[in-house]
Amino acid sequence: MLPLPHRYVVTAAPAAAGEVQLAAAGVSDLHTAAPAEFDGPGDRWSPETLLVGAVADCVAITFRGVARASQLPWTAMTCAAAGTLDRVEGTMRFTAIDLDVRVTVPEGTSDALVHRVLDKVKRTCLITNSLTADVRMRTTIEGRTIEADGCRT
């Protein structure tokens, strides 16, 4: 990892018929639009889906790094995220993000190691640590389910 602080620059420019073109150095441009809930076409990534997607993506990337550093063997991992947008004190904001994390590990993998990895993921996901929304994680490991209050412990 490069020394901190890191800086990320994205440019947004309104394009044709309600689209916005996002651009950043070194990556393909992304065309977005308002979601159907805000009278958009509903067929493009929106700021809302990008934010929820960033949470799921960060949890998955953080899991991969923490599992590698912890020498946790795993065969599959998914993180489904559902964000709730609501009005709070006259302002719209995300009030909750619910994560459904599913991890498959080989037979005989230490439960304690799996729990240590997941706890560290909850503590170190930089996107969820940057949000005010309540982030709740439900984790399923080989058919067992663990409930957690949030990504921050």
C-alpha atoms as a PDB file:
ATOM      1  CA  MET A   1       0.000   0.000   0.000  1.00  0.00           C
ATOM      2  CA  LEU A   2       1.191   3.509  -0.753  1.00  0.00           C
ATOM      3  CA  PRO A   3       1.623   5.876   2.189  1.00  0.00           C
ATOM      4  CA  LEU A   4      -1.479   7.791   3.303  1.00  0.00           C
ATOM      5  CA  PRO A   5      -3.205  10.087   2.646  1.00  0.00           C
ATOM      6  CA  HIS A   6      -4.590   8.874  -0.693  1.00  0.00           C
ATOM      7  CA  ARG A   7      -6.578  11.185  -2.954  1.00  0.00           C
ATOM      8  CA  TYR A   8      -9.199  10.039  -5.475  1.00  0.00           C
ATOM      9  CA  VAL A   9     -10.417  12.427  -8.169  1.00  0.00           C
ATOM     10  CA  VAL A  10     -13.590  11.861 -10.195  1.00  0.00           C
ATOM     11  CA  THR A  11     -15.163  14.301 -12.640  1.00  0.00           C
ATOM     12  CA  ALA A  12     -18.921  14.324 -13.269  1.00  0.00           C
ATOM     13  CA  ALA A  13     -20.306  15.983 -16.406  1.00  0.00           C
ATOM     14  CA  PRO A  14     -23.967  16.066 -17.453  1.00  0.00           C
ATOM     15  CA  ALA A  15     -24.330  14.328 -20.808  1.00  0.00           C
ATOM     16  CA  ALA A  16     -27.240  13.483 -23.110  1.00  0.00           C
ATOM     17  CA  ALA A  17     -30.821  13.263 -21.847  1.00  0.00           C
ATOM     18  CA  GLY A  18     -30.322  13.084 -18.103  1.00  0.00           C
ATOM     19  CA  GLU A  19     -27.132  11.012 -18.121  1.00  0.00           C
ATOM     20  CA  VAL A  20     -24.008  11.958 -16.233  1.00  0.00           C
ATOM     21  CA  GLN A  21     -20.566  10.883 -17.401  1.00  0.00           C
ATOM     22  CA  LEU A  22     -18.141   9.977 -14.607  1.00  0.00           C
ATOM     23  CA  ALA A  23     -14.453  10.000 -15.431  1.00  0.00           C
ATOM     24  CA  ALA A  24     -11.314   9.183 -13.453  1.00  0.00           C
ATOM     25  CA  ALA A  25      -7.728   8.661 -14.502  1.00  0.00           C
ATOM     26  CA  GLY A  26      -6.885   5.123 -15.581  1.00  0.00           C
ATOM     27  CA  VAL A  27     -10.418   3.687 -15.691  1.00  0.00           C
ATOM     28  CA  SER A  28     -13.231   3.562 -18.254  1.00  0.00           C
ATOM     29  CA  ASP A  29     -15.853   6.293 -18.101  1.00  0.00           C
ATOM     30  CA  LEU A  30     -19.147   5.364 -16.481  1.00  0.00           C
ATOM     31  CA  HIS A  31     -22.527   6.735 -17.581  1.00  0.00           C
ATOM     32  CA  THR A  32     -25.051   7.128 -14.769  1.00  0.00           C
ATOM     33  CA  ALA A  33     -28.590   8.462 -14.386  1.00  0.00           C
ATOM     34  CA  ALA A  34     -31.152   9.042 -11.681  1.00  0.00           C
ATOM     35  CA  PRO A  35     -32.858   5.853 -10.475  1.00  0.00           C
ATOM     36  CA  ALA A  36     -36.478   5.083 -11.342  1.00  0.00           C
ATOM     37  CA  GLU A  37     -37.476   6.195  -7.822  1.00  0.00           C
ATOM     38  CA  PHE A  38     -36.407   9.719  -8.812  1.00  0.00           C
ATOM     39  CA  ASP A  39     -38.034   9.611 -12.274  1.00  0.00           C
ATOM     40  CA  GLY A  40     -34.864   8.395 -13.968  1.00  0.00           C
ATOM     41  CA  PRO A  41     -34.768   5.618 -16.551  1.00  0.00           C
ATOM     42  CA  GLY A  42     -33.791   2.951 -14.001  1.00  0.00           C
ATOM     43  CA  ASP A  43     -31.447   1.221 -16.449  1.00  0.00           C
ATOM     44  CA  ARG A  44     -28.154   2.788 -15.379  1.00  0.00           C
ATOM     45  CA  TRP A  45     -26.035   2.918 -12.259  1.00  0.00           C
ATOM     46  CA  SER A  46     -27.191   5.840 -10.108  1.00  0.00           C
ATOM     47  CA  PRO A  47     -25.501   7.650  -7.214  1.00  0.00           C
ATOM     48  CA  GLU A  48     -27.628   5.513  -4.895  1.00  0.00           C
ATOM     49  CA  THR A  49     -26.662   2.170  -6.452  1.00  0.00           C
ATOM     50  CA  LEU A  50     -23.033   3.286  -6.716  1.00  0.00           C
ATOM     51  CA  LEU A  51     -22.922   4.033  -2.976  1.00  0.00           C
ATOM     52  CA  VAL A  52     -24.492   0.696  -2.012  1.00  0.00           C
ATOM     53  CA  GLY A  53     -22.261  -1.039  -4.545  1.00  0.00           C
ATOM     54  CA  ALA A  54     -19.194   0.643  -3.047  1.00  0.00           C
ATOM     55  CA  VAL A  55     -20.111  -0.847   0.335  1.00  0.00           C
ATOM     56  CA  ALA A  56     -20.476  -4.386  -1.060  1.00  0.00           C
ATOM     57  CA  ASP A  57     -17.299  -4.027  -3.119  1.00  0.00           C
ATOM     58  CA  CYS A  58     -15.259  -2.728  -0.173  1.00  0.00           C
ATOM     59  CA  VAL A  59     -16.460  -5.530   2.112  1.00  0.00           C
ATOM     60  CA  ALA A  60     -15.503  -8.113  -0.552  1.00  0.00           C
ATOM     61  CA  ILE A  61     -12.069  -6.563  -1.213  1.00  0.00           C
ATOM     62  CA  THR A  62     -11.409  -6.168   2.518  1.00  0.00           C
ATOM     63  CA  PHE A  63     -12.412  -9.796   3.110  1.00  0.00           C
ATOM     64  CA  ARG A  64     -10.028 -11.008   0.406  1.00  0.00           C
ATOM     65  CA  GLY A  65      -7.104  -9.048   1.900  1.00  0.00           C
ATOM     66  CA  VAL A  66      -7.808  -9.961   5.523  1.00  0.00           C
ATOM     67  CA  ALA A  67      -8.361 -13.642   4.640  1.00  0.00           C
ATOM     68  CA  ARG A  68      -5.049 -13.737   2.757  1.00  0.00           C
ATOM     69  CA  ALA A  69      -3.135 -12.048   5.582  1.00  0.00           C
ATOM     70  CA  SER A  70      -4.795 -14.384   8.120  1.00  0.00           C
ATOM     71  CA  GLN A  71      -4.168 -17.478   5.982  1.00  0.00           C
ATOM     72  CA  LEU A  72      -7.886 -18.304   5.949  1.00  0.00           C
ATOM     73  CA  PRO A  73      -8.671 -20.772   3.173  1.00  0.00           C
ATOM     74  CA  TRP A  74     -11.966 -19.997   1.441  1.00  0.00           C
ATOM     75  CA  THR A  75     -13.645 -21.184  -1.726  1.00  0.00           C
ATOM     76  CA  ALA A  76     -16.408 -18.601  -2.247  1.00  0.00           C
ATOM     77  CA  MET A  77     -17.571 -15.266  -0.848  1.00  0.00           C
ATOM     78  CA  THR A  78     -20.421 -12.948  -1.811  1.00  0.00           C
ATOM     79  CA  CYS A  79     -21.668  -9.738  -0.262  1.00  0.00           C
ATOM     80  CA  ALA A  80     -25.187  -8.585  -1.165  1.00  0.00           C
ATOM     81  CA  ALA A  81     -25.987  -5.067   0.041  1.00  0.00           C
ATOM     82  CA  ALA A  82     -29.382  -3.364   0.371  1.00  0.00           C
ATOM     83  CA  GLY A  83     -29.506   0.331   1.228  1.00  0.00           C
ATOM     84  CA  THR A  84     -32.507   2.129   2.735  1.00  0.00           C
ATOM     85  CA  LEU A  85     -32.944   5.777   1.736  1.00  0.00           C
ATOM     86  CA  ASP A  86     -35.293   7.761   3.972  1.00  0.00           C
ATOM     87  CA  ARG A  87     -36.029  11.254   5.210  1.00  0.00           C
ATOM     88  CA  VAL A  88     -34.537  12.141   8.598  1.00  0.00           C
ATOM     89  CA  GLU A  89     -35.206  15.566  10.106  1.00  0.00           C
ATOM     90  CA  GLY A  90     -36.130  16.958   6.699  1.00  0.00           C
ATOM     91  CA  THR A  91     -33.065  15.560   4.906  1.00  0.00           C
ATOM     92  CA  MET A  92     -32.882  12.503   2.687  1.00  0.00           C
ATOM     93  CA  ARG A  93     -30.045  10.133   3.490  1.00  0.00           C
ATOM     94  CA  PHE A  94     -29.206   6.473   3.712  1.00  0.00           C
ATOM     95  CA  THR A  95     -30.383   5.328   7.129  1.00  0.00           C
ATOM     96  CA  ALA A  96     -29.353   1.673   6.902  1.00  0.00           C
ATOM     97  CA  ILE A  97     -27.331  -0.680   4.766  1.00  0.00           C
ATOM     98  CA  ASP A  98     -27.969  -4.379   5.282  1.00  0.00           C
ATOM     99  CA  LEU A  99     -25.238  -6.771   4.188  1.00  0.00           C
ATOM    100  CA  ASP A 100     -25.716 -10.474   3.543  1.00  0.00           C
ATOM    101  CA  VAL A 101     -22.221 -11.982   3.489  1.00  0.00           C
ATOM    102  CA  ARG A 102     -21.849 -15.633   2.478  1.00  0.00           C
ATOM    103  CA  VAL A 103     -18.521 -17.393   2.941  1.00  0.00           C
ATOM    104  CA  THR A 104     -17.679 -20.981   2.025  1.00  0.00           C
ATOM    105  CA  VAL A 105     -14.611 -22.501   3.658  1.00  0.00           C
ATOM    106  CA  PRO A 106     -13.113 -25.995   3.337  1.00  0.00           C
ATOM    107  CA  GLU A 107     -14.162 -28.683   5.791  1.00  0.00           C
ATOM    108  CA  GLY A 108     -12.159 -28.489   9.012  1.00  0.00           C
ATOM    109  CA  THR A 109     -11.455 -24.751   8.811  1.00  0.00           C
ATOM    110  CA  SER A 110     -11.203 -23.220  12.277  1.00  0.00           C
ATOM    111  CA  ASP A 111     -14.400 -21.397  13.295  1.00  0.00           C
ATOM    112  CA  ALA A 112     -12.287 -19.097  15.468  1.00  0.00           C
ATOM    113  CA  LEU A 113     -10.197 -18.058  12.451  1.00  0.00           C
ATOM    114  CA  VAL A 114     -13.274 -17.372  10.348  1.00  0.00           C
ATOM    115  CA  HIS A 115     -14.736 -15.221  13.141  1.00  0.00           C
ATOM    116  CA  ARG A 116     -11.472 -13.298  13.587  1.00  0.00           C
ATOM    117  CA  VAL A 117     -11.345 -12.537   9.858  1.00  0.00           C
ATOM    118  CA  LEU A 118     -14.979 -11.387   9.734  1.00  0.00           C
ATOM    119  CA  ASP A 119     -14.532  -9.229  12.842  1.00  0.00           C
ATOM    120  CA  LYS A 120     -11.522  -7.553  11.254  1.00  0.00           C
ATOM    121  CA  VAL A 121     -13.459  -7.000   8.015  1.00  0.00           C
ATOM    122  CA  LYS A 122     -16.217  -5.308  10.053  1.00  0.00           C
ATOM    123  CA  ARG A 123     -13.680  -3.063  11.777  1.00  0.00           C
ATOM    124  CA  THR A 124     -11.603  -2.130   8.725  1.00  0.00           C
ATOM    125  CA  CYS A 125     -13.990  -1.672   5.772  1.00  0.00           C
ATOM    126  CA  LEU A 126     -13.098   1.921   4.912  1.00  0.00           C
ATOM    127  CA  ILE A 127     -16.319   2.676   3.036  1.00  0.00           C
ATOM    128  CA  THR A 128     -18.645   1.599   5.875  1.00  0.00           C
ATOM    129  CA  ASN A 129     -16.386   3.432   8.341  1.00  0.00           C
ATOM    130  CA  SER A 130     -17.040   6.592   6.287  1.00  0.00           C
ATOM    131  CA  LEU A 131     -20.850   6.419   6.454  1.00  0.00           C
ATOM    132  CA  THR A 132     -23.386   7.645   9.001  1.00  0.00           C
ATOM    133  CA  ALA A 133     -25.925   4.968   7.985  1.00  0.00           C
ATOM    134  CA  ASP A 134     -26.430   2.005  10.312  1.00  0.00           C
ATOM    135  CA  VAL A 135     -24.559  -0.869   8.657  1.00  0.00           C
ATOM    136  CA  ARG A 136     -25.731  -4.320   9.675  1.00  0.00           C
ATOM    137  CA  MET A 137     -24.071  -7.544   8.590  1.00  0.00           C
ATOM    138  CA  ARG A 138     -25.592 -11.001   8.462  1.00  0.00           C
ATOM    139  CA  THR A 139     -23.016 -13.691   7.733  1.00  0.00           C
ATOM    140  CA  THR A 140     -23.590 -17.269   6.653  1.00  0.00           C
ATOM    141  CA  ILE A 141     -20.688 -19.701   6.922  1.00  0.00           C
ATOM    142  CA  GLU A 142     -21.237 -23.274   5.692  1.00  0.00           C
ATOM    143  CA  GLY A 143     -24.911 -23.089   6.580  1.00  0.00           C
ATOM    144  CA  ARG A 144     -24.384 -21.386   9.955  1.00  0.00           C
ATOM    145  CA  THR A 145     -25.724 -17.872  10.427  1.00  0.00           C
ATOM    146  CA  ILE A 146     -24.172 -15.154  12.562  1.00  0.00           C
ATOM    147  CA  GLU A 147     -25.931 -11.845  13.254  1.00  0.00           C
ATOM    148  CA  ALA A 148     -23.867  -8.718  13.888  1.00  0.00           C
ATOM    149  CA  ASP A 149     -25.027  -5.224  14.794  1.00  0.00           C
ATOM    150  CA  GLY A 150     -22.861  -3.520  12.208  1.00  0.00           C
ATOM    151  CA  CYS A 151     -19.618  -3.265  10.379  1.00  0.00           C
ATOM    152  CA  ARG A 152     -18.156  -1.148  13.148  1.00  0.00           C
ATOM    153  CA  THR A 153     -17.426  -3.044  16.385  1.00  0.00           C
END
